Amino acid sequence: MKTIKVGGVPEHFNLPWHFCIDDGTFQNNGLDLSWKDFPDGTGAMCKALRNKEIDAAVILTEGIIKDILNGNEAVIVQEYIASPLIWGIHVAAGSDFRSLEDLKGQKIAISRYGSGSHLMAYVNARNLGWDTKDLEFEVVGDIENAVKALESGRAGYFMWEHFTTKPLVDKGIFRRIADCPTPWSCFVIAVRKEFMAKEPATILTMLKTLNHLTKKFKSIPKIEVALARKYDQKVEDIEQWLKITQWSQKQISVLEIRKVQEQLFELGLIPEVKENHYFLPH
């Protein structure tokens, strides 16, 4: 039995992993796979990979590419979600902000530097023609603290995945001003280089097991009900989300890596654009 520690956000995208753990599929294939939730997202997972707290992570494409460029000894072994991530732009429901233009110059709540909420704030600002040098941030850690930051006025807005945040919109805690989709496929699976070198067969078995399920995941009877129940969502929201979400079973394309790097470089978030093989297993 081979042991592997995997991290990911506690969101609906990752239910296939929990199915494979709970029904013993990983175990039947000789893997003792343990899962750790990271509610504060990609920045926290990058740190955990560096500190060897986890061996692999289901992580935002732009976040891990930036962190690998910053010295994280990890490689991307597969694309996980091929479709874009829809980032909702949220304000406190009681605030006076009504339009994107109202948010110009407002402090942005982010989970941590290097996270998706941080990087996508730049993408959104550039889309709107704002000067990205003017962006200011309030580090909040997780959604719970983002709610407090927006309600107290310490930050003006917060970007987080549309459907994960929708219950807060429905309850009248947040108001969503707009959406900002990622210009690339959103999640990849990254592995520490050291673990990859020692356990290539373990990684291959993990991916094969997972891919076998994700291929048919959307056609599992009543899957929308299981997702809604586990992630405190409305069934109709999950149905909408399933329509626009595409699981992948292949490696990320070099064009996609290049696209992410070029955008990060244009935004001044990385010092240079590297060759694609820099991010992939040799």
Protein backbone atom coordinates (compact mmCIF):
# COMPACT_ATOMS: atom_id res chain seq x y z
CA MET A 1 0.00 0.00 0.00
CA LYS A 2 1.47 3.36 -1.08
CA THR A 3 0.73 6.47 0.98
CA ILE A 4 0.00 9.85 -0.59
CA LYS A 5 -1.28 13.08 0.97
CA VAL A 6 -3.43 15.28 -1.26
CA GLY A 7 -4.81 18.77 -0.63
CA GLY A 8 -7.68 20.69 -2.21
CA VAL A 9 -10.41 23.24 -1.57
CA PRO A 10 -13.59 22.02 0.19
CA GLU A 11 -15.65 22.72 -2.92
CA HIS A 12 -17.89 20.78 -5.30
CA PHE A 13 -15.12 20.33 -7.91
CA ASN A 14 -13.42 17.83 -5.61
CA LEU A 15 -16.28 15.43 -4.87
CA PRO A 16 -14.78 12.77 -7.21
CA TRP A 17 -11.77 12.49 -4.86
CA HIS A 18 -14.05 11.94 -1.86
CA PHE A 19 -16.04 9.30 -3.74
CA CYS A 20 -12.82 7.39 -4.53
CA ILE A 21 -11.70 7.65 -0.89
CA ASP A 22 -15.07 6.79 0.68
CA ASP A 23 -15.92 3.82 -1.56
CA GLY A 24 -12.43 2.34 -1.19
CA THR A 25 -11.47 2.67 -4.90
CA PHE A 26 -8.07 4.19 -4.12
CA GLN A 27 -7.49 1.53 -1.49
CA ASN A 28 -8.48 -1.28 -3.88
CA ASN A 29 -5.80 0.06 -6.24
CA GLY A 30 -3.12 -0.06 -3.55
CA LEU A 31 -3.25 3.58 -2.46
CA ASP A 32 -3.60 4.90 1.06
CA LEU A 33 -4.72 8.37 -0.04
CA SER A 34 -5.46 10.94 2.65
CA TRP A 35 -7.18 14.24 1.85
CA LYS A 36 -6.69 17.61 3.54
CA ASP A 37 -9.12 20.50 3.00
CA PHE A 38 -7.66 23.97 2.40
CA PRO A 39 -10.55 26.44 2.85
CA ASP A 40 -8.15 29.35 2.35
CA GLY A 41 -7.24 28.11 -1.12
CA THR A 42 -4.28 28.04 -3.46
CA GLY A 43 -1.82 30.22 -1.53
CA ALA A 44 -2.11 27.90 1.47
CA MET A 45 -1.65 24.81 -0.73
CA CYS A 46 1.47 26.26 -2.36
CA LYS A 47 2.91 26.72 1.14
CA ALA A 48 1.91 23.17 2.15
CA LEU A 49 3.61 21.70 -0.94
CA ARG A 50 6.78 23.65 -0.16
CA ASN A 51 6.70 22.49 3.48
CA LYS A 52 6.07 18.84 2.43
CA GLU A 53 2.83 18.78 4.40
CA ILE A 54 1.14 17.37 1.29
CA ASP A 55 2.51 15.47 -1.71
CA ALA A 56 -0.03 16.66 -4.27
CA ALA A 57 -2.61 19.41 -4.65
CA VAL A 58 -5.69 20.13 -6.75
CA ILE A 59 -4.80 23.74 -7.32
CA LEU A 60 -5.59 26.79 -9.42
CA THR A 61 -3.59 26.82 -12.65
CA GLU A 62 -2.44 30.45 -12.37
CA GLY A 63 -1.51 30.07 -8.68
CA ILE A 64 0.77 27.06 -9.08
CA ILE A 65 2.40 28.40 -12.26
CA LYS A 66 3.29 31.60 -10.43
CA ASP A 67 4.58 29.69 -7.39
CA ILE A 68 6.70 27.28 -9.47
CA LEU A 69 8.29 30.35 -11.06
CA ASN A 70 8.91 31.61 -7.51
CA GLY A 71 10.81 28.46 -6.58
CA ASN A 72 8.16 25.90 -5.56
CA GLU A 73 9.70 22.51 -6.36
CA ALA A 74 6.54 21.07 -7.92
CA VAL A 75 5.33 19.94 -11.34
CA ILE A 76 1.93 19.85 -13.02
CA VAL A 77 1.00 16.21 -13.72
CA GLN A 78 -2.48 16.77 -15.18
CA GLU A 79 -5.19 19.26 -15.98
CA TYR A 80 -8.15 18.60 -13.65
CA ILE A 81 -10.89 21.03 -14.69
CA ALA A 82 -10.65 22.07 -18.35
CA SER A 83 -13.34 24.77 -18.16
CA PRO A 84 -12.81 28.28 -16.75
CA LEU A 85 -13.54 29.13 -13.12
CA ILE A 86 -16.31 31.69 -12.71
CA TRP A 87 -15.21 34.24 -10.11
CA GLY A 88 -18.05 36.22 -8.54
CA ILE A 89 -17.23 39.80 -7.56
CA HIS A 90 -18.95 40.29 -4.21
CA VAL A 91 -19.71 43.23 -1.93
CA ALA A 92 -21.46 43.42 1.45
CA ALA A 93 -25.21 43.29 0.81
CA GLY A 94 -25.74 46.45 2.86
CA SER A 95 -23.05 48.48 1.04
CA ASP A 96 -23.70 51.29 -1.45
CA PHE A 97 -21.65 49.62 -4.22
CA ARG A 98 -23.86 48.95 -7.23
CA SER A 99 -21.54 48.69 -10.24
CA LEU A 100 -17.99 47.63 -11.09
CA GLU A 101 -17.08 51.29 -11.53
CA ASP A 102 -18.08 51.90 -7.87
CA LEU A 103 -15.36 49.44 -6.86
CA LYS A 104 -12.50 51.32 -8.51
CA GLY A 105 -9.95 52.26 -5.83
CA GLN A 106 -11.61 50.07 -3.19
CA LYS A 107 -9.48 47.72 -1.09
CA ILE A 108 -9.84 44.07 -2.17
CA ALA A 109 -10.25 41.22 0.33
CA ILE A 110 -8.01 38.26 -0.63
CA SER A 111 -7.40 34.93 1.06
CA ARG A 112 -3.62 35.43 0.82
CA TYR A 113 -1.01 36.75 -1.59
CA GLY A 114 -0.49 34.38 -4.53
CA SER A 115 -4.01 32.99 -4.20
CA GLY A 116 -6.62 33.02 -6.95
CA SER A 117 -8.52 35.84 -5.23
CA HIS A 118 -5.30 37.91 -5.41
CA LEU A 119 -4.28 37.06 -9.00
CA MET A 120 -7.79 37.33 -10.44
CA ALA A 121 -8.17 40.82 -8.94
CA TYR A 122 -5.43 41.86 -11.37
CA VAL A 123 -7.13 40.11 -14.30
CA ASN A 124 -10.42 41.82 -13.44
CA ALA A 125 -8.77 45.24 -13.07
CA ARG A 126 -7.06 44.89 -16.43
CA ASN A 127 -10.35 43.80 -18.06
CA LEU A 128 -11.88 47.05 -16.76
CA GLY A 129 -8.97 49.22 -17.88
CA TRP A 130 -7.90 50.12 -14.33
CA ASP A 131 -4.27 50.73 -13.40
CA THR A 132 -3.22 47.54 -11.61
CA LYS A 133 -0.52 49.47 -9.70
CA ASP A 134 -3.32 51.13 -7.71
CA LEU A 135 -4.73 47.86 -6.31
CA GLU A 136 -4.70 47.52 -2.52
CA PHE A 137 -5.38 44.31 -0.60
CA GLU A 138 -6.68 43.14 2.77
CA VAL A 139 -5.57 39.56 3.60
CA VAL A 140 -8.51 37.73 5.19
CA GLY A 141 -7.64 34.00 5.01
CA ASP A 142 -11.05 32.51 4.25
CA ILE A 143 -14.66 33.30 3.32
CA GLU A 144 -15.77 33.76 6.93
CA ASN A 145 -13.21 36.51 7.47
CA ALA A 146 -14.01 38.00 4.05
CA VAL A 147 -17.60 38.47 5.24
CA LYS A 148 -16.32 40.35 8.32
CA ALA A 149 -13.92 42.49 6.25
CA LEU A 150 -16.67 43.55 3.82
CA GLU A 151 -19.27 44.17 6.52
CA SER A 152 -16.86 46.29 8.60
CA GLY A 153 -15.69 48.24 5.54
CA ARG A 154 -12.06 47.09 5.87
CA ALA A 155 -12.39 45.95 2.24
CA GLY A 156 -14.78 46.90 -0.54
CA TYR A 157 -15.07 43.66 -2.49
CA PHE A 158 -14.07 40.01 -2.56
CA MET A 159 -13.64 37.64 -5.51
CA TRP A 160 -14.45 33.95 -4.94
CA GLU A 161 -15.93 31.10 -6.97
CA HIS A 162 -19.49 31.99 -8.04
CA PHE A 163 -21.32 28.86 -6.84
CA THR A 164 -19.35 28.36 -3.61
CA THR A 165 -20.30 31.90 -2.60
CA LYS A 166 -23.90 31.77 -3.85
CA PRO A 167 -25.41 30.63 -0.49
CA LEU A 168 -24.05 33.88 1.02
CA VAL A 169 -25.69 35.85 -1.81
CA ASP A 170 -28.98 33.96 -1.31
CA LYS A 171 -28.89 34.70 2.44
CA GLY A 172 -28.41 38.42 1.79
CA ILE A 173 -24.88 38.55 3.27
CA PHE A 174 -23.10 39.26 -0.04
CA ARG A 175 -24.37 40.93 -3.18
CA ARG A 176 -22.77 39.84 -6.46
CA ILE A 177 -21.95 42.77 -8.73
CA ALA A 178 -20.61 40.72 -11.67
CA ASP A 179 -18.67 37.61 -12.72
CA CYS A 180 -15.12 37.33 -14.01
CA PRO A 181 -14.24 33.99 -15.68
CA THR A 182 -10.61 32.85 -15.80
CA PRO A 183 -9.13 33.16 -19.30
CA TRP A 184 -7.75 29.59 -18.94
CA SER A 185 -8.64 26.12 -17.63
CA CYS A 186 -8.89 26.50 -13.90
CA PHE A 187 -7.62 23.52 -11.88
CA VAL A 188 -4.58 21.28 -12.30
CA ILE A 189 -3.02 18.54 -10.19
CA ALA A 190 0.46 19.42 -8.98
CA VAL A 191 2.93 17.11 -7.26
CA ARG A 192 6.13 17.77 -5.33
CA LYS A 193 9.11 16.99 -7.60
CA GLU A 194 10.76 14.88 -4.91
CA PHE A 195 7.65 12.72 -4.50
CA MET A 196 7.24 12.44 -8.27
CA ALA A 197 10.83 11.20 -8.66
CA LYS A 198 10.39 8.57 -5.92
CA GLU A 199 6.82 7.45 -6.67
CA PRO A 200 5.96 7.87 -10.38
CA ALA A 201 3.87 4.67 -10.38
CA THR A 202 1.88 5.88 -7.35
CA ILE A 203 1.01 9.14 -9.16
CA LEU A 204 0.04 7.23 -12.29
CA THR A 205 -2.26 4.91 -10.30
CA MET A 206 -3.82 7.89 -8.52
CA LEU A 207 -4.55 9.68 -11.81
CA LYS A 208 -5.90 6.55 -13.54
CA THR A 209 -8.22 5.83 -10.60
CA LEU A 210 -9.49 9.41 -10.47
CA ASN A 211 -9.87 9.75 -14.26
CA HIS A 212 -11.91 6.57 -14.45
CA LEU A 213 -14.48 8.26 -12.21
CA THR A 214 -14.34 11.82 -13.59
CA LYS A 215 -15.04 10.52 -17.12
CA LYS A 216 -18.49 9.36 -16.01
CA PHE A 217 -18.98 11.65 -12.98
CA LYS A 218 -21.65 13.89 -14.55
CA SER A 219 -23.76 10.91 -15.59
CA ILE A 220 -23.94 9.37 -12.08
CA PRO A 221 -27.66 9.18 -11.17
CA LYS A 222 -28.73 12.02 -8.82
CA ILE A 223 -25.19 13.40 -8.68
CA GLU A 224 -26.64 16.93 -8.50
CA VAL A 225 -28.51 15.97 -5.30
CA ALA A 226 -25.36 14.51 -3.69
CA LEU A 227 -23.37 17.65 -4.59
CA ALA A 228 -26.08 20.01 -3.36
CA ARG A 229 -26.37 18.16 -0.04
CA LYS A 230 -22.64 17.98 0.64
CA TYR A 231 -21.85 21.57 -0.32
CA ASP A 232 -24.97 23.33 1.01
CA GLN A 233 -26.15 24.33 -2.47
CA LYS A 234 -29.49 24.48 -4.27
CA VAL A 235 -29.99 21.63 -6.74
CA GLU A 236 -30.81 24.06 -9.58
CA ASP A 237 -27.51 25.93 -8.98
CA ILE A 238 -25.56 22.67 -9.08
CA GLU A 239 -27.33 21.68 -12.31
CA GLN A 240 -26.27 24.97 -13.87
CA TRP A 241 -22.71 24.52 -12.59
CA LEU A 242 -22.48 20.95 -13.96
CA LYS A 243 -23.47 22.22 -17.43
CA ILE A 244 -20.49 24.58 -17.59
CA THR A 245 -17.89 22.40 -15.82
CA GLN A 246 -15.66 19.98 -17.70
CA TRP A 247 -13.39 17.49 -15.93
CA SER A 248 -10.20 16.64 -17.79
CA GLN A 249 -8.27 13.38 -17.99
CA LYS A 250 -5.22 14.67 -19.87
CA GLN A 251 -2.14 16.79 -19.31
CA ILE A 252 -2.52 20.54 -19.59
CA SER A 253 -1.57 21.86 -23.03
CA VAL A 254 1.64 23.84 -23.51
CA LEU A 255 -0.49 26.58 -25.12
CA GLU A 256 -2.46 26.92 -21.89
CA ILE A 257 0.71 27.19 -19.78
CA ARG A 258 2.05 29.82 -22.17
CA LYS A 259 -1.25 31.77 -22.04
CA VAL A 260 -1.23 31.87 -18.22
CA GLN A 261 2.43 32.92 -18.10
CA GLU A 262 1.98 35.66 -20.68
CA GLN A 263 -1.00 37.13 -18.81
CA LEU A 264 0.83 37.01 -15.45
CA PHE A 265 3.88 38.62 -17.07
CA GLU A 266 1.77 41.39 -18.66
CA LEU A 267 0.25 42.08 -15.25
CA GLY A 268 3.72 42.36 -13.71
CA LEU A 269 3.12 39.36 -11.43
CA ILE A 270 6.04 37.25 -12.70
CA PRO A 271 9.52 38.45 -13.78
CA GLU A 272 9.82 36.31 -16.92
CA VAL A 273 8.14 33.69 -19.12
CA LYS A 274 9.83 30.28 -18.89
CA GLU A 275 9.86 27.33 -21.29
CA ASN A 276 6.82 25.08 -20.77
CA HIS A 277 8.93 22.05 -19.75
CA TYR A 278 9.88 23.99 -16.61
CA PHE A 279 6.40 23.20 -15.22
CA LEU A 280 6.03 19.58 -16.38
CA PRO A 281 7.55 16.23 -15.31
CA HIS A 282 10.62 15.23 -17.32
